[in-house]
Amino acid sequence: MKKTIASFLLVSAAALPGVAQARTLNLTTELQNYGGEGAYLAFYVTDASGKYQKTLWVAGKKSKYYKSLRDWARGSRLNPREFDGVSGASVGSGRSLTVKVELADALIDAGYEIRVDSAVEDGRENAVDVRVPLTAAGASKPVAGRGYIKSFKYDM
């Protein structure tokens, strides 16, 4: 029941701004030092079963590389409506990126996760480089990535 309500509120938040309560999250990502071009990152929300729900942010302007962000690309179906208005420049080796996103309150402590896929041009792809439960207790606690991401945290 909780999952159904949260899914409804997620859809409502997108369709009817102002109806559902939302909060601003700061997503902070620090990249490893690596050789190569800037990293492409896709930040997105999944439900408790791992099913894609919503794109939060995409770092990297050249959409031709979005297919390299495999799990996010599959979930979003690379539909431009999923990432229009929530994208910016790629992030370089050893650099940090902080973005502000709006998220429905109902998704916090309801079994949802924030996931981040990463890829670098002429480099490897890291589906689910970061996977972190979306909980109030987890806020501000850095987690290590499995690929290009050195650490990730979200603040409420």
C-alpha atoms as a PDB file:
ATOM      1  CA  MET A   1       0.000   0.000   0.000  1.00  0.00           C
ATOM      2  CA  LYS A   2       2.835   2.372   0.931  1.00  0.00           C
ATOM      3  CA  LYS A   3       4.496   1.676  -2.454  1.00  0.00           C
ATOM      4  CA  THR A   4       1.256   2.407  -4.332  1.00  0.00           C
ATOM      5  CA  ILE A   5       0.736   5.689  -2.504  1.00  0.00           C
ATOM      6  CA  ALA A   6       4.341   6.746  -3.091  1.00  0.00           C
ATOM      7  CA  SER A   7       4.083   5.901  -6.808  1.00  0.00           C
ATOM      8  CA  PHE A   8       0.873   7.925  -7.047  1.00  0.00           C
ATOM      9  CA  LEU A   9       2.513  10.890  -5.336  1.00  0.00           C
ATOM     10  CA  LEU A  10       5.550  10.665  -7.612  1.00  0.00           C
ATOM     11  CA  VAL A  11       3.285  10.847 -10.668  1.00  0.00           C
ATOM     12  CA  SER A  12       1.179  13.575  -9.049  1.00  0.00           C
ATOM     13  CA  ALA A  13       4.258  15.633  -8.245  1.00  0.00           C
ATOM     14  CA  ALA A  14       5.254  15.556 -11.907  1.00  0.00           C
ATOM     15  CA  ALA A  15       1.740  16.198 -13.231  1.00  0.00           C
ATOM     16  CA  LEU A  16       0.418  18.655 -10.667  1.00  0.00           C
ATOM     17  CA  PRO A  17       3.162  20.723  -9.071  1.00  0.00           C
ATOM     18  CA  GLY A  18       2.102  22.066  -5.724  1.00  0.00           C
ATOM     19  CA  VAL A  19      -0.287  19.190  -4.931  1.00  0.00           C
ATOM     20  CA  ALA A  20       2.273  16.800  -3.448  1.00  0.00           C
ATOM     21  CA  GLN A  21       4.789  17.890  -0.832  1.00  0.00           C
ATOM     22  CA  ALA A  22       8.317  17.966  -2.178  1.00  0.00           C
ATOM     23  CA  ARG A  23      11.690  18.660  -0.718  1.00  0.00           C
ATOM     24  CA  THR A  24      14.939  19.854  -2.200  1.00  0.00           C
ATOM     25  CA  LEU A  25      17.837  17.424  -2.138  1.00  0.00           C
ATOM     26  CA  ASN A  26      21.455  18.303  -2.836  1.00  0.00           C
ATOM     27  CA  LEU A  27      23.206  15.470  -4.663  1.00  0.00           C
ATOM     28  CA  THR A  28      26.993  15.667  -4.266  1.00  0.00           C
ATOM     29  CA  THR A  29      29.272  13.445  -6.314  1.00  0.00           C
ATOM     30  CA  GLU A  30      33.064  13.343  -6.217  1.00  0.00           C
ATOM     31  CA  LEU A  31      34.816  11.546  -9.074  1.00  0.00           C
ATOM     32  CA  GLN A  32      37.914   9.379  -8.934  1.00  0.00           C
ATOM     33  CA  ASN A  33      41.073  10.588 -10.639  1.00  0.00           C
ATOM     34  CA  TYR A  34      41.078   8.776 -13.976  1.00  0.00           C
ATOM     35  CA  GLY A  35      42.502   9.378 -17.431  1.00  0.00           C
ATOM     36  CA  GLY A  36      40.127  10.456 -20.131  1.00  0.00           C
ATOM     37  CA  GLU A  37      37.282  12.736 -21.049  1.00  0.00           C
ATOM     38  CA  GLY A  38      34.587  14.102 -18.758  1.00  0.00           C
ATOM     39  CA  ALA A  39      32.202  11.610 -17.169  1.00  0.00           C
ATOM     40  CA  TYR A  40      28.551  11.271 -18.049  1.00  0.00           C
ATOM     41  CA  LEU A  41      26.339  10.574 -15.034  1.00  0.00           C
ATOM     42  CA  ALA A  42      22.644   9.733 -14.759  1.00  0.00           C
ATOM     43  CA  PHE A  43      20.987  10.187 -11.352  1.00  0.00           C
ATOM     44  CA  TYR A  44      17.618   8.465 -11.060  1.00  0.00           C
ATOM     45  CA  VAL A  45      15.109   6.945  -8.631  1.00  0.00           C
ATOM     46  CA  THR A  46      14.044   3.293  -8.575  1.00  0.00           C
ATOM     47  CA  ASP A  47      11.339   1.581  -6.539  1.00  0.00           C
ATOM     48  CA  ALA A  48      11.937  -1.257  -4.078  1.00  0.00           C
ATOM     49  CA  SER A  49      12.063  -3.816  -6.906  1.00  0.00           C
ATOM     50  CA  GLY A  50      14.666  -1.779  -8.825  1.00  0.00           C
ATOM     51  CA  LYS A  51      12.239  -0.487 -11.459  1.00  0.00           C
ATOM     52  CA  TYR A  52      13.070   2.941 -12.886  1.00  0.00           C
ATOM     53  CA  GLN A  53      10.765   5.718 -11.650  1.00  0.00           C
ATOM     54  CA  LYS A  54      12.222   9.154 -12.416  1.00  0.00           C
ATOM     55  CA  THR A  55      15.306  10.945 -13.721  1.00  0.00           C
ATOM     56  CA  LEU A  56      16.764  13.421 -11.240  1.00  0.00           C
ATOM     57  CA  TRP A  57      19.744  14.762 -13.211  1.00  0.00           C
ATOM     58  CA  VAL A  58      21.967  13.896 -16.178  1.00  0.00           C
ATOM     59  CA  ALA A  59      25.522  15.249 -16.372  1.00  0.00           C
ATOM     60  CA  GLY A  60      26.712  15.463 -19.968  1.00  0.00           C
ATOM     61  CA  LYS A  61      25.232  17.412 -22.865  1.00  0.00           C
ATOM     62  CA  LYS A  62      25.835  15.065 -25.826  1.00  0.00           C
ATOM     63  CA  SER A  63      22.785  12.808 -25.870  1.00  0.00           C
ATOM     64  CA  LYS A  64      24.509  10.368 -28.241  1.00  0.00           C
ATOM     65  CA  TYR A  65      26.439   9.087 -25.194  1.00  0.00           C
ATOM     66  CA  TYR A  66      23.351   8.585 -23.011  1.00  0.00           C
ATOM     67  CA  LYS A  67      22.956   4.995 -24.243  1.00  0.00           C
ATOM     68  CA  SER A  68      26.195   4.227 -22.372  1.00  0.00           C
ATOM     69  CA  LEU A  69      24.351   4.929 -19.108  1.00  0.00           C
ATOM     70  CA  ARG A  70      22.756   1.509 -19.539  1.00  0.00           C
ATOM     71  CA  ASP A  71      20.329   0.985 -16.666  1.00  0.00           C
ATOM     72  CA  TRP A  72      19.103   4.564 -16.746  1.00  0.00           C
ATOM     73  CA  ALA A  73      18.831   4.448 -20.566  1.00  0.00           C
ATOM     74  CA  ARG A  74      16.763   1.277 -20.398  1.00  0.00           C
ATOM     75  CA  GLY A  75      14.462   2.647 -17.666  1.00  0.00           C
ATOM     76  CA  SER A  76      13.981   6.104 -19.173  1.00  0.00           C
ATOM     77  CA  ARG A  77      13.818   4.675 -22.704  1.00  0.00           C
ATOM     78  CA  LEU A  78      15.938   7.728 -23.559  1.00  0.00           C
ATOM     79  CA  ASN A  79      12.726   9.721 -23.834  1.00  0.00           C
ATOM     80  CA  PRO A  80      13.765  13.403 -23.980  1.00  0.00           C
ATOM     81  CA  ARG A  81      10.874  14.313 -21.661  1.00  0.00           C
ATOM     82  CA  GLU A  82      12.704  12.345 -18.965  1.00  0.00           C
ATOM     83  CA  PHE A  83      15.814  14.529 -19.101  1.00  0.00           C
ATOM     84  CA  ASP A  84      14.800  17.850 -20.672  1.00  0.00           C
ATOM     85  CA  GLY A  85      15.540  20.568 -18.147  1.00  0.00           C
ATOM     86  CA  VAL A  86      17.533  18.260 -15.851  1.00  0.00           C
ATOM     87  CA  SER A  87      20.883  18.083 -17.585  1.00  0.00           C
ATOM     88  CA  GLY A  88      24.198  19.899 -17.489  1.00  0.00           C
ATOM     89  CA  ALA A  89      27.851  19.617 -18.452  1.00  0.00           C
ATOM     90  CA  SER A  90      29.882  16.453 -17.954  1.00  0.00           C
ATOM     91  CA  VAL A  91      32.195  16.227 -14.931  1.00  0.00           C
ATOM     92  CA  GLY A  92      35.978  15.911 -15.167  1.00  0.00           C
ATOM     93  CA  SER A  93      38.408  13.568 -13.464  1.00  0.00           C
ATOM     94  CA  GLY A  94      38.821  14.290  -9.739  1.00  0.00           C
ATOM     95  CA  ARG A  95      36.116  16.972  -9.822  1.00  0.00           C
ATOM     96  CA  SER A  96      32.946  17.322  -7.765  1.00  0.00           C
ATOM     97  CA  LEU A  97      29.389  17.999  -8.864  1.00  0.00           C
ATOM     98  CA  THR A  98      26.537  19.214  -6.660  1.00  0.00           C
ATOM     99  CA  VAL A  99      23.033  19.576  -8.060  1.00  0.00           C
ATOM    100  CA  LYS A 100      19.723  20.492  -6.441  1.00  0.00           C
ATOM    101  CA  VAL A 101      16.694  18.353  -7.267  1.00  0.00           C
ATOM    102  CA  GLU A 102      13.067  18.278  -6.129  1.00  0.00           C
ATOM    103  CA  LEU A 103      11.690  14.989  -4.842  1.00  0.00           C
ATOM    104  CA  ALA A 104       8.292  14.047  -3.408  1.00  0.00           C
ATOM    105  CA  ASP A 105       8.440  13.584   0.377  1.00  0.00           C
ATOM    106  CA  ALA A 106       6.477  10.345   0.021  1.00  0.00           C
ATOM    107  CA  LEU A 107       9.499   8.654  -1.602  1.00  0.00           C
ATOM    108  CA  ILE A 108      11.695   9.086   1.466  1.00  0.00           C
ATOM    109  CA  ASP A 109      11.743   6.044   3.791  1.00  0.00           C
ATOM    110  CA  ALA A 110       9.397   4.206   1.397  1.00  0.00           C
ATOM    111  CA  GLY A 111      11.793   1.675  -0.177  1.00  0.00           C
ATOM    112  CA  TYR A 112      13.048   3.873  -3.030  1.00  0.00           C
ATOM    113  CA  GLU A 113      16.690   4.234  -4.047  1.00  0.00           C
ATOM    114  CA  ILE A 114      18.846   6.803  -5.762  1.00  0.00           C
ATOM    115  CA  ARG A 115      21.072   5.204  -8.398  1.00  0.00           C
ATOM    116  CA  VAL A 116      23.830   6.713 -10.494  1.00  0.00           C
ATOM    117  CA  ASP A 117      25.165   5.246 -13.746  1.00  0.00           C
ATOM    118  CA  SER A 118      28.501   6.536 -15.081  1.00  0.00           C
ATOM    119  CA  ALA A 119      30.420   6.380 -18.340  1.00  0.00           C
ATOM    120  CA  VAL A 120      33.378   8.112 -19.964  1.00  0.00           C
ATOM    121  CA  GLU A 121      33.876   8.587 -23.703  1.00  0.00           C
ATOM    122  CA  ASP A 122      36.308   5.904 -24.901  1.00  0.00           C
ATOM    123  CA  GLY A 123      36.196   4.419 -21.405  1.00  0.00           C
ATOM    124  CA  ARG A 124      34.147   1.873 -19.561  1.00  0.00           C
ATOM    125  CA  GLU A 125      30.503   2.068 -18.511  1.00  0.00           C
ATOM    126  CA  ASN A 126      29.364   1.548 -14.934  1.00  0.00           C
ATOM    127  CA  ALA A 127      25.718   0.642 -14.599  1.00  0.00           C
ATOM    128  CA  VAL A 128      24.712   1.395 -11.012  1.00  0.00           C
ATOM    129  CA  ASP A 129      28.031   2.944 -10.016  1.00  0.00           C
ATOM    130  CA  VAL A 130      26.166   4.107  -6.888  1.00  0.00           C
ATOM    131  CA  ARG A 131      23.077   2.638  -5.268  1.00  0.00           C
ATOM    132  CA  VAL A 132      21.775   4.170  -2.034  1.00  0.00           C
ATOM    133  CA  PRO A 133      18.460   3.778  -0.182  1.00  0.00           C
ATOM    134  CA  LEU A 134      16.488   7.028  -0.052  1.00  0.00           C
ATOM    135  CA  THR A 135      16.060   7.425   3.706  1.00  0.00           C
ATOM    136  CA  ALA A 136      16.155  10.289   6.176  1.00  0.00           C
ATOM    137  CA  ALA A 137      18.796   8.387   8.176  1.00  0.00           C
ATOM    138  CA  GLY A 138      20.998   8.014   5.075  1.00  0.00           C
ATOM    139  CA  ALA A 139      21.088  11.735   4.325  1.00  0.00           C
ATOM    140  CA  SER A 140      24.551  13.340   4.489  1.00  0.00           C
ATOM    141  CA  LYS A 141      26.301   9.955   4.689  1.00  0.00           C
ATOM    142  CA  PRO A 142      28.774   9.449   1.840  1.00  0.00           C
ATOM    143  CA  VAL A 143      28.870   6.121   0.035  1.00  0.00           C
ATOM    144  CA  ALA A 144      31.638   4.846  -2.236  1.00  0.00           C
ATOM    145  CA  GLY A 145      31.035   4.227  -5.918  1.00  0.00           C
ATOM    146  CA  ARG A 146      32.081   1.117  -7.863  1.00  0.00           C
ATOM    147  CA  GLY A 147      33.574   2.883 -10.894  1.00  0.00           C
ATOM    148  CA  TYR A 148      34.290   6.518 -11.743  1.00  0.00           C
ATOM    149  CA  ILE A 149      32.494   7.810  -8.634  1.00  0.00           C
ATOM    150  CA  LYS A 150      34.700   8.131  -5.571  1.00  0.00           C
ATOM    151  CA  SER A 151      31.849   9.178  -3.265  1.00  0.00           C
ATOM    152  CA  PHE A 152      28.201  10.229  -3.383  1.00  0.00           C
ATOM    153  CA  LYS A 153      25.871  11.700  -0.792  1.00  0.00           C
ATOM    154  CA  TYR A 154      22.530  13.429  -0.661  1.00  0.00           C
ATOM    155  CA  ASP A 155      21.478  16.134   1.778  1.00  0.00           C
ATOM    156  CA  MET A 156      17.941  17.165   2.626  1.00  0.00           C
END
